[in-house]
PDB file of N, CA and C in Angstrom:
ATOM      1  N   MET A   1      -0.832  -6.574 -19.521  1.00  0.00           N
ATOM      2  CA  MET A   1       0.023  -7.482 -20.257  1.00  0.00           C
ATOM      3  C   MET A   1      -0.854  -8.392 -21.107  1.00  0.00           C
ATOM      4  N   GLY A   2      -0.443  -8.559 -22.330  1.00  0.00           N
ATOM      5  CA  GLY A   2      -1.230  -9.368 -23.234  1.00  0.00           C
ATOM      6  C   GLY A   2      -0.396 -10.401 -23.970  1.00  0.00           C
ATOM      7  N   GLU A   3      -1.066 -11.225 -24.740  1.00  0.00           N
ATOM      8  CA  GLU A   3      -0.389 -12.265 -25.493  1.00  0.00           C
ATOM      9  C   GLU A   3       0.681 -11.678 -26.406  1.00  0.00           C
ATOM     10  N   LYS A   4       1.766 -12.392 -26.513  1.00  0.00           N
ATOM     11  CA  LYS A   4       2.924 -12.058 -27.351  1.00  0.00           C
ATOM     12  C   LYS A   4       3.736 -10.881 -26.826  1.00  0.00           C
ATOM     13  N   GLN A   5       3.365 -10.344 -25.681  1.00  0.00           N
ATOM     14  CA  GLN A   5       4.117  -9.236 -25.095  1.00  0.00           C
ATOM     15  C   GLN A   5       5.386  -9.780 -24.439  1.00  0.00           C
ATOM     16  N   LYS A   6       6.456  -9.023 -24.534  1.00  0.00           N
ATOM     17  CA  LYS A   6       7.731  -9.407 -23.930  1.00  0.00           C
ATOM     18  C   LYS A   6       7.751  -8.951 -22.474  1.00  0.00           C
ATOM     19  N   VAL A   7       8.149  -9.870 -21.583  1.00  0.00           N
ATOM     20  CA  VAL A   7       8.200  -9.591 -20.147  1.00  0.00           C
ATOM     21  C   VAL A   7       9.436 -10.239 -19.548  1.00  0.00           C
ATOM     22  N   ARG A   8       9.745  -9.841 -18.333  1.00  0.00           N
ATOM     23  CA  ARG A   8      10.759 -10.523 -17.522  1.00  0.00           C
ATOM     24  C   ARG A   8      10.315 -10.427 -16.074  1.00  0.00           C
ATOM     25  N   PHE A   9      10.856 -11.307 -15.243  1.00  0.00           N
ATOM     26  CA  PHE A   9      10.534 -11.251 -13.826  1.00  0.00           C
ATOM     27  C   PHE A   9      11.098  -9.974 -13.222  1.00  0.00           C
ATOM     28  N   LYS A  10      10.396  -9.425 -12.257  1.00  0.00           N
ATOM     29  CA  LYS A  10      10.929  -8.279 -11.512  1.00  0.00           C
ATOM     30  C   LYS A  10      12.168  -8.741 -10.748  1.00  0.00           C
ATOM     31  N   PRO A  11      13.131  -7.838 -10.530  1.00  0.00           N
ATOM     32  CA  PRO A  11      14.384  -8.227  -9.873  1.00  0.00           C
ATOM     33  C   PRO A  11      14.210  -8.876  -8.500  1.00  0.00           C
ATOM     34  N   ASP A  12      13.165  -8.496  -7.775  1.00  0.00           N
ATOM     35  CA  ASP A  12      12.966  -9.044  -6.427  1.00  0.00           C
ATOM     36  C   ASP A  12      11.959 -10.195  -6.381  1.00  0.00           C
ATOM     37  N   SER A  13      11.647 -10.777  -7.531  1.00  0.00           N
ATOM     38  CA  SER A  13      10.648 -11.842  -7.596  1.00  0.00           C
ATOM     39  C   SER A  13      11.154 -13.141  -6.977  1.00  0.00           C
ATOM     40  N   PRO A  14      10.474 -13.634  -5.939  1.00  0.00           N
ATOM     41  CA  PRO A  14      10.860 -14.932  -5.370  1.00  0.00           C
ATOM     42  C   PRO A  14      10.495 -16.096  -6.295  1.00  0.00           C
ATOM     43  N   VAL A  15       9.523 -15.885  -7.159  1.00  0.00           N
ATOM     44  CA  VAL A  15       9.087 -16.946  -8.072  1.00  0.00           C
ATOM     45  C   VAL A  15      10.186 -17.271  -9.082  1.00  0.00           C
ATOM     46  N   ALA A  16      10.875 -16.258  -9.572  1.00  0.00           N
ATOM     47  CA  ALA A  16      11.956 -16.490 -10.537  1.00  0.00           C
ATOM     48  C   ALA A  16      12.993 -17.437  -9.947  1.00  0.00           C
ATOM     49  N   GLY A  17      13.364 -17.204  -8.713  1.00  0.00           N
ATOM     50  CA  GLY A  17      14.345 -18.072  -8.059  1.00  0.00           C
ATOM     51  C   GLY A  17      13.841 -19.486  -7.867  1.00  0.00           C
ATOM     52  N   SER A  18      12.578 -19.613  -7.497  1.00  0.00           N
ATOM     53  CA  SER A  18      12.034 -20.952  -7.269  1.00  0.00           C
ATOM     54  C   SER A  18      11.892 -21.745  -8.565  1.00  0.00           C
ATOM     55  N   LEU A  19      11.766 -21.051  -9.687  1.00  0.00           N
ATOM     56  CA  LEU A  19      11.686 -21.717 -10.989  1.00  0.00           C
ATOM     57  C   LEU A  19      13.049 -21.811 -11.674  1.00  0.00           C
ATOM     58  N   ALA A  20      14.082 -21.272 -11.032  1.00  0.00           N
ATOM     59  CA  ALA A  20      15.442 -21.255 -11.585  1.00  0.00           C
ATOM     60  C   ALA A  20      15.482 -20.542 -12.939  1.00  0.00           C
ATOM     61  N   ILE A  21      14.769 -19.421 -13.018  1.00  0.00           N
ATOM     62  CA  ILE A  21      14.782 -18.586 -14.218  1.00  0.00           C
ATOM     63  C   ILE A  21      15.404 -17.245 -13.832  1.00  0.00           C
ATOM     64  N   SER A  22      16.401 -16.821 -14.565  1.00  0.00           N
ATOM     65  CA  SER A  22      17.079 -15.559 -14.288  1.00  0.00           C
ATOM     66  C   SER A  22      16.108 -14.386 -14.432  1.00  0.00           C
ATOM     67  N   THR A  23      16.278 -13.379 -13.593  1.00  0.00           N
ATOM     68  CA  THR A  23      15.438 -12.181 -13.714  1.00  0.00           C
ATOM     69  C   THR A  23      15.823 -11.359 -14.940  1.00  0.00           C
ATOM     70  N   ASP A  24      16.926 -11.709 -15.591  1.00  0.00           N
ATOM     71  CA  ASP A  24      17.321 -11.059 -16.846  1.00  0.00           C
ATOM     72  C   ASP A  24      16.713 -11.743 -18.068  1.00  0.00           C
ATOM     73  N   ALA A  25      16.189 -12.938 -17.877  1.00  0.00           N
ATOM     74  CA  ALA A  25      15.629 -13.692 -19.004  1.00  0.00           C
ATOM     75  C   ALA A  25      14.360 -13.025 -19.521  1.00  0.00           C
ATOM     76  N   VAL A  26      14.262 -12.933 -20.836  1.00  0.00           N
ATOM     77  CA  VAL A  26      13.100 -12.329 -21.481  1.00  0.00           C
ATOM     78  C   VAL A  26      12.177 -13.442 -21.961  1.00  0.00           C
ATOM     79  N   GLY A  27      10.892 -13.307 -21.631  1.00  0.00           N
ATOM     80  CA  GLY A  27       9.914 -14.293 -22.059  1.00  0.00           C
ATOM     81  C   GLY A  27       8.786 -13.651 -22.841  1.00  0.00           C
ATOM     82  N   THR A  28       7.975 -14.493 -23.457  1.00  0.00           N
ATOM     83  CA  THR A  28       6.822 -14.050 -24.236  1.00  0.00           C
ATOM     84  C   THR A  28       5.555 -14.586 -23.585  1.00  0.00           C
ATOM     85  N   VAL A  29       4.592 -13.708 -23.363  1.00  0.00           N
ATOM     86  CA  VAL A  29       3.323 -14.129 -22.766  1.00  0.00           C
ATOM     87  C   VAL A  29       2.577 -15.016 -23.758  1.00  0.00           C
ATOM     88  N   ILE A  30       2.219 -16.209 -23.294  1.00  0.00           N
ATOM     89  CA  ILE A  30       1.449 -17.146 -24.102  1.00  0.00           C
ATOM     90  C   ILE A  30      -0.042 -16.939 -23.854  1.00  0.00           C
ATOM     91  N   CYS A  31      -0.379 -16.729 -22.580  1.00  0.00           N
ATOM     92  CA  CYS A  31      -1.789 -16.672 -22.200  1.00  0.00           C
ATOM     93  C   CYS A  31      -1.943 -15.844 -20.927  1.00  0.00           C
ATOM     94  N   ARG A  32      -3.058 -15.136 -20.833  1.00  0.00           N
ATOM     95  CA  ARG A  32      -3.395 -14.361 -19.638  1.00  0.00           C
ATOM     96  C   ARG A  32      -4.808 -14.756 -19.214  1.00  0.00           C
ATOM     97  N   TYR A  33      -4.990 -15.014 -17.925  1.00  0.00           N
ATOM     98  CA  TYR A  33      -6.306 -15.441 -17.448  1.00  0.00           C
ATOM     99  C   TYR A  33      -6.475 -15.095 -15.972  1.00  0.00           C
ATOM    100  N   ARG A  34      -7.688 -15.205 -15.499  1.00  0.00           N
ATOM    101  CA  ARG A  34      -8.013 -14.938 -14.093  1.00  0.00           C
ATOM    102  C   ARG A  34      -8.501 -16.225 -13.449  1.00  0.00           C
ATOM    103  N   SER A  35      -7.972 -16.508 -12.285  1.00  0.00           N
ATOM    104  CA  SER A  35      -8.410 -17.673 -11.529  1.00  0.00           C
ATOM    105  C   SER A  35      -9.723 -17.336 -10.834  1.00  0.00           C
ATOM    106  N   LEU A  36     -10.778 -18.051 -11.166  1.00  0.00           N
ATOM    107  CA  LEU A  36     -12.082 -17.792 -10.561  1.00  0.00           C
ATOM    108  C   LEU A  36     -12.083 -18.138  -9.085  1.00  0.00           C
ATOM    109  N   ARG A  37     -11.259 -19.074  -8.703  1.00  0.00           N
ATOM    110  CA  ARG A  37     -11.187 -19.487  -7.309  1.00  0.00           C
ATOM    111  C   ARG A  37     -10.637 -18.377  -6.405  1.00  0.00           C
ATOM    112  N   GLU A  38      -9.783 -17.532  -6.943  1.00  0.00           N
ATOM    113  CA  GLU A  38      -9.144 -16.483  -6.148  1.00  0.00           C
ATOM    114  C   GLU A  38      -9.983 -15.218  -6.043  1.00  0.00           C
ATOM    115  N   GLY A  39     -11.000 -15.093  -6.839  1.00  0.00           N
ATOM    116  CA  GLY A  39     -11.873 -13.928  -6.746  1.00  0.00           C
ATOM    117  C   GLY A  39     -11.576 -12.870  -7.774  1.00  0.00           C
ATOM    118  N   GLU A  40     -12.504 -11.934  -7.851  1.00  0.00           N
ATOM    119  CA  GLU A  40     -12.461 -10.889  -8.873  1.00  0.00           C
ATOM    120  C   GLU A  40     -11.297  -9.919  -8.710  1.00  0.00           C
ATOM    121  N   ARG A  41     -10.870  -9.682  -7.500  1.00  0.00           N
ATOM    122  CA  ARG A  41      -9.804  -8.702  -7.247  1.00  0.00           C
ATOM    123  C   ARG A  41      -8.399  -9.285  -7.346  1.00  0.00           C
ATOM    124  N   ALA A  42      -8.299 -10.569  -7.519  1.00  0.00           N
ATOM    125  CA  ALA A  42      -6.991 -11.209  -7.626  1.00  0.00           C
ATOM    126  C   ALA A  42      -6.314 -10.794  -8.933  1.00  0.00           C
ATOM    127  N   PRO A  43      -4.990 -10.694  -8.910  1.00  0.00           N
ATOM    128  CA  PRO A  43      -4.288 -10.347 -10.157  1.00  0.00           C
ATOM    129  C   PRO A  43      -4.427 -11.465 -11.183  1.00  0.00           C
ATOM    130  N   ASP A  44      -4.373 -11.088 -12.441  1.00  0.00           N
ATOM    131  CA  ASP A  44      -4.426 -12.074 -13.509  1.00  0.00           C
ATOM    132  C   ASP A  44      -3.182 -12.957 -13.456  1.00  0.00           C
ATOM    133  N   ARG A  45      -3.309 -14.117 -14.041  1.00  0.00           N
ATOM    134  CA  ARG A  45      -2.215 -15.082 -14.122  1.00  0.00           C
ATOM    135  C   ARG A  45      -1.681 -15.114 -15.550  1.00  0.00           C
ATOM    136  N   LEU A  46      -0.390 -15.383 -15.661  1.00  0.00           N
ATOM    137  CA  LEU A  46       0.247 -15.450 -16.973  1.00  0.00           C
ATOM    138  C   LEU A  46       0.945 -16.784 -17.163  1.00  0.00           C
ATOM    139  N   ASP A  47       0.904 -17.280 -18.387  1.00  0.00           N
ATOM    140  CA  ASP A  47       1.756 -18.375 -18.819  1.00  0.00           C
ATOM    141  C   ASP A  47       2.794 -17.727 -19.727  1.00  0.00           C
ATOM    142  N   VAL A  48       4.070 -17.906 -19.398  1.00  0.00           N
ATOM    143  CA  VAL A  48       5.147 -17.229 -20.122  1.00  0.00           C
ATOM    144  C   VAL A  48       6.179 -18.258 -20.587  1.00  0.00           C
ATOM    145  N   ARG A  49       6.588 -18.138 -21.835  1.00  0.00           N
ATOM    146  CA  ARG A  49       7.626 -19.001 -22.394  1.00  0.00           C
ATOM    147  C   ARG A  49       8.931 -18.216 -22.479  1.00  0.00           C
ATOM    148  N   PHE A  50       9.979 -18.755 -21.857  1.00  0.00           N
ATOM    149  CA  PHE A  50      11.293 -18.119 -21.899  1.00  0.00           C
ATOM    150  C   PHE A  50      12.176 -18.728 -22.982  1.00  0.00           C
ATOM    151  N   ASP A  51      12.104 -20.019 -23.156  1.00  0.00           N
ATOM    152  CA  ASP A  51      12.764 -20.709 -24.264  1.00  0.00           C
ATOM    153  C   ASP A  51      12.055 -22.047 -24.443  1.00  0.00           C
ATOM    154  N   GLU A  52      12.623 -22.904 -25.278  1.00  0.00           N
ATOM    155  CA  GLU A  52      11.913 -24.156 -25.581  1.00  0.00           C
ATOM    156  C   GLU A  52      11.773 -25.088 -24.386  1.00  0.00           C
ATOM    157  N   ARG A  53      12.529 -24.848 -23.309  1.00  0.00           N
ATOM    158  CA  ARG A  53      12.436 -25.707 -22.127  1.00  0.00           C
ATOM    159  C   ARG A  53      12.028 -24.983 -20.855  1.00  0.00           C
ATOM    160  N   GLN A  54      11.962 -23.678 -20.874  1.00  0.00           N
ATOM    161  CA  GLN A  54      11.637 -22.925 -19.662  1.00  0.00           C
ATOM    162  C   GLN A  54      10.323 -22.175 -19.819  1.00  0.00           C
ATOM    163  N   PHE A  55       9.396 -22.510 -18.923  1.00  0.00           N
ATOM    164  CA  PHE A  55       8.080 -21.876 -18.905  1.00  0.00           C
ATOM    165  C   PHE A  55       7.745 -21.480 -17.484  1.00  0.00           C
ATOM    166  N   ALA A  56       6.930 -20.464 -17.342  1.00  0.00           N
ATOM    167  CA  ALA A  56       6.340 -20.094 -16.059  1.00  0.00           C
ATOM    168  C   ALA A  56       4.827 -20.206 -16.248  1.00  0.00           C
ATOM    169  N   TRP A  57       4.213 -21.163 -15.566  1.00  0.00           N
ATOM    170  CA  TRP A  57       2.786 -21.428 -15.736  1.00  0.00           C
ATOM    171  C   TRP A  57       1.990 -20.853 -14.575  1.00  0.00           C
ATOM    172  N   GLY A  58       0.990 -20.051 -14.875  1.00  0.00           N
ATOM    173  CA  GLY A  58       0.062 -19.564 -13.853  1.00  0.00           C
ATOM    174  C   GLY A  58       0.659 -18.636 -12.824  1.00  0.00           C
ATOM    175  N   VAL A  59       1.637 -17.850 -13.215  1.00  0.00           N
ATOM    176  CA  VAL A  59       2.303 -16.928 -12.294  1.00  0.00           C
ATOM    177  C   VAL A  59       1.567 -15.594 -12.295  1.00  0.00           C
ATOM    178  N   SER A  60       1.415 -15.008 -11.113  1.00  0.00           N
ATOM    179  CA  SER A  60       0.743 -13.722 -10.988  1.00  0.00           C
ATOM    180  C   SER A  60       1.429 -12.660 -11.841  1.00  0.00           C
ATOM    181  N   GLU A  61       0.623 -11.857 -12.523  1.00  0.00           N
ATOM    182  CA  GLU A  61       1.200 -10.816 -13.374  1.00  0.00           C
ATOM    183  C   GLU A  61       2.003  -9.794 -12.573  1.00  0.00           C
ATOM    184  N   THR A  62       1.784  -9.728 -11.272  1.00  0.00           N
ATOM    185  CA  THR A  62       2.530  -8.783 -10.432  1.00  0.00           C
ATOM    186  C   THR A  62       4.003  -9.172 -10.286  1.00  0.00           C
ATOM    187  N   GLU A  63       4.361 -10.381 -10.684  1.00  0.00           N
ATOM    188  CA  GLU A  63       5.749 -10.845 -10.613  1.00  0.00           C
ATOM    189  C   GLU A  63       6.576 -10.405 -11.827  1.00  0.00           C
ATOM    190  N   PHE A  64       5.917  -9.844 -12.846  1.00  0.00           N
ATOM    191  CA  PHE A  64       6.586  -9.501 -14.097  1.00  0.00           C
ATOM    192  C   PHE A  64       6.612  -8.003 -14.353  1.00  0.00           C
ATOM    193  N   GLU A  65       7.567  -7.608 -15.193  1.00  0.00           N
ATOM    194  CA  GLU A  65       7.588  -6.252 -15.723  1.00  0.00           C
ATOM    195  C   GLU A  65       7.606  -6.351 -17.244  1.00  0.00           C
ATOM    196  N   VAL A  66       6.933  -5.395 -17.879  1.00  0.00           N
ATOM    197  CA  VAL A  66       6.835  -5.368 -19.328  1.00  0.00           C
ATOM    198  C   VAL A  66       8.102  -4.773 -19.907  1.00  0.00           C
ATOM    199  N   ILE A  67       8.556  -5.330 -21.004  1.00  0.00           N
ATOM    200  CA  ILE A  67       9.696  -4.774 -21.732  1.00  0.00           C
ATOM    201  C   ILE A  67       9.094  -3.922 -22.859  1.00  0.00           C
ATOM    202  N   LEU A  68       9.217  -2.621 -22.724  1.00  0.00           N
ATOM    203  CA  LEU A  68       8.603  -1.710 -23.686  1.00  0.00           C
ATOM    204  C   LEU A  68       9.441  -1.516 -24.932  1.00  0.00           C
ATOM    205  N   ASN A  69      10.746  -1.666 -24.786  1.00  0.00           N
ATOM    206  CA  ASN A  69      11.664  -1.382 -25.871  1.00  0.00           C
ATOM    207  C   ASN A  69      12.616  -2.541 -26.020  1.00  0.00           C
ATOM    208  N   GLU A  70      12.865  -2.997 -27.222  1.00  0.00           N
ATOM    209  CA  GLU A  70      13.783  -4.120 -27.444  1.00  0.00           C
ATOM    210  C   GLU A  70      15.163  -3.837 -26.859  1.00  0.00           C
ATOM    211  N   ASN A  71      15.559  -2.587 -26.754  1.00  0.00           N
ATOM    212  CA  ASN A  71      16.855  -2.237 -26.169  1.00  0.00           C
ATOM    213  C   ASN A  71      16.904  -2.513 -24.680  1.00  0.00           C
ATOM    214  N   ASP A  72      15.720  -2.652 -24.028  1.00  0.00           N
ATOM    215  CA  ASP A  72      15.657  -2.951 -22.602  1.00  0.00           C
ATOM    216  C   ASP A  72      15.885  -4.433 -22.326  1.00  0.00           C
ATOM    217  N   ALA A  73      15.815  -5.243 -23.360  1.00  0.00           N
ATOM    218  CA  ALA A  73      15.928  -6.703 -23.178  1.00  0.00           C
ATOM    219  C   ALA A  73      17.356  -7.133 -22.908  1.00  0.00           C
TER     220      ALA A  73
END
């Protein structure tokens, strides 16, 4: 997953519920990075913008699925 890529939370993501973001909501990746504290094998983290007021900061990329086709959104 890279910058400007369209993503949404996986249907079974507990993080989506804790952030009160629908698993149907489509977001855009702002930034992708690795936490040095978690080690080399840890999944990358994403900052994702869903709209002007909803963001997911530092969420593991394993919580998201990529939207490959605009029709999937």
